[in-house]
Amino acid sequence: MIKKATTLRLSTTFVPSVSLNLRRRLCESAAICRLSEIYSDLLEEKITPDRTLRLIHAQIAVFALLTCCNSSLVVLCALTVWAFGSIYAARR
């Protein structure tokens, strides 16, 4: 029996326009625009749809940190770094 080696060629080129396009489409969606208005009313300042996405990201990170309190120390450290990083990004 002869074994044949098979190789798979994977494309290693990353197309950043896909993620930028998705972010732009999310910022233009009606739900995010409405949520921006709600955040603007609550925070009493103008909140852009881009900042709304960053605020949502920070809320998800903090929620994940609070709900995974019984996890290992490595997971808690990773979640803490993620939460603080997303909060810092949302403040900008």
Protein backbone atom coordinates (compact mmCIF):
# COMPACT_ATOMS: atom_id res chain seq x y z
CA MET A 1 0.00 0.00 0.00
CA ILE A 2 1.42 3.37 -1.03
CA LYS A 3 0.68 6.43 1.03
CA LYS A 4 0.24 9.65 -0.83
CA ALA A 5 0.87 12.93 0.88
CA THR A 6 -1.76 15.54 0.37
CA THR A 7 -1.17 19.17 0.96
CA LEU A 8 -3.78 21.80 1.36
CA ARG A 9 -3.10 25.30 0.29
CA LEU A 10 -4.69 27.87 2.51
CA SER A 11 -4.99 31.48 1.64
CA THR A 12 -3.13 33.51 4.23
CA THR A 13 -4.20 36.87 2.92
CA PHE A 14 -6.49 38.74 5.26
CA VAL A 15 -8.92 41.15 3.72
CA PRO A 16 -9.51 43.95 6.23
CA SER A 17 -12.16 45.50 4.02
CA VAL A 18 -14.55 42.68 4.99
CA SER A 19 -14.44 43.54 8.69
CA LEU A 20 -14.53 47.26 7.96
CA ASN A 21 -17.50 46.72 5.67
CA LEU A 22 -19.31 44.78 8.40
CA ARG A 23 -18.59 47.48 10.97
CA ARG A 24 -19.80 50.18 8.57
CA ARG A 25 -22.98 48.24 7.84
CA LEU A 26 -23.60 47.74 11.56
CA CYS A 27 -23.13 51.45 12.22
CA GLU A 28 -25.67 52.24 9.50
CA SER A 29 -28.29 49.78 10.75
CA ALA A 30 -31.51 51.14 12.19
CA ALA A 31 -31.18 49.19 15.44
CA ILE A 32 -27.72 50.59 16.25
CA CYS A 33 -28.83 54.12 15.32
CA ARG A 34 -31.83 53.80 17.65
CA LEU A 35 -29.62 52.41 20.39
CA SER A 36 -27.27 55.38 19.87
CA GLU A 37 -30.20 57.69 20.52
CA ILE A 38 -31.05 55.82 23.73
CA TYR A 39 -27.43 56.00 24.92
CA SER A 40 -27.37 59.71 24.04
CA ASP A 41 -30.47 60.31 26.16
CA LEU A 42 -29.09 58.31 29.09
CA LEU A 43 -25.58 59.78 29.04
CA GLU A 44 -26.76 63.29 28.06
CA GLU A 45 -24.17 63.62 25.30
CA LYS A 46 -24.03 62.76 21.62
CA ILE A 47 -23.15 59.10 21.11
CA THR A 48 -22.15 57.94 17.64
CA PRO A 49 -23.07 54.50 16.30
CA ASP A 50 -19.37 53.54 16.37
CA ARG A 51 -19.14 54.41 20.07
CA THR A 52 -22.38 52.49 20.63
CA LEU A 53 -20.71 49.36 19.27
CA ARG A 54 -17.78 49.91 21.64
CA LEU A 55 -20.17 50.36 24.58
CA ILE A 56 -21.97 47.13 23.68
CA HIS A 57 -18.61 45.35 23.47
CA ALA A 58 -17.66 46.64 26.94
CA GLN A 59 -20.99 45.52 28.39
CA ILE A 60 -20.58 42.03 26.95
CA ALA A 61 -17.03 41.79 28.33
CA VAL A 62 -18.09 42.85 31.83
CA PHE A 63 -21.07 40.49 31.72
CA ALA A 64 -18.78 37.60 30.73
CA LEU A 65 -16.42 38.47 33.58
CA LEU A 66 -19.24 38.54 36.12
CA THR A 67 -20.91 35.33 34.97
CA CYS A 68 -17.70 33.27 34.81
CA CYS A 69 -16.65 33.92 38.40
CA ASN A 70 -16.16 30.19 39.15
CA SER A 71 -13.67 29.67 36.34
CA SER A 72 -9.96 29.04 36.58
CA LEU A 73 -7.51 31.81 37.34
CA VAL A 74 -6.23 31.93 33.76
CA VAL A 75 -9.75 32.41 32.39
CA LEU A 76 -10.50 35.10 34.96
CA CYS A 77 -7.30 36.95 34.10
CA ALA A 78 -8.09 36.80 30.38
CA LEU A 79 -11.64 38.02 30.97
CA THR A 80 -10.38 40.82 33.20
CA VAL A 81 -7.91 42.01 30.57
CA TRP A 82 -10.64 41.83 27.93
CA ALA A 83 -13.08 43.77 30.11
CA PHE A 84 -10.61 46.53 31.01
CA GLY A 85 -9.44 46.79 27.40
CA SER A 86 -12.96 47.14 26.08
CA ILE A 87 -13.86 49.70 28.78
CA TYR A 88 -10.78 51.71 27.87
CA ALA A 89 -11.74 51.57 24.19
CA ALA A 90 -15.30 52.65 24.96
CA ARG A 91 -14.10 55.69 26.89
CA ARG A 92 -12.22 57.06 23.88
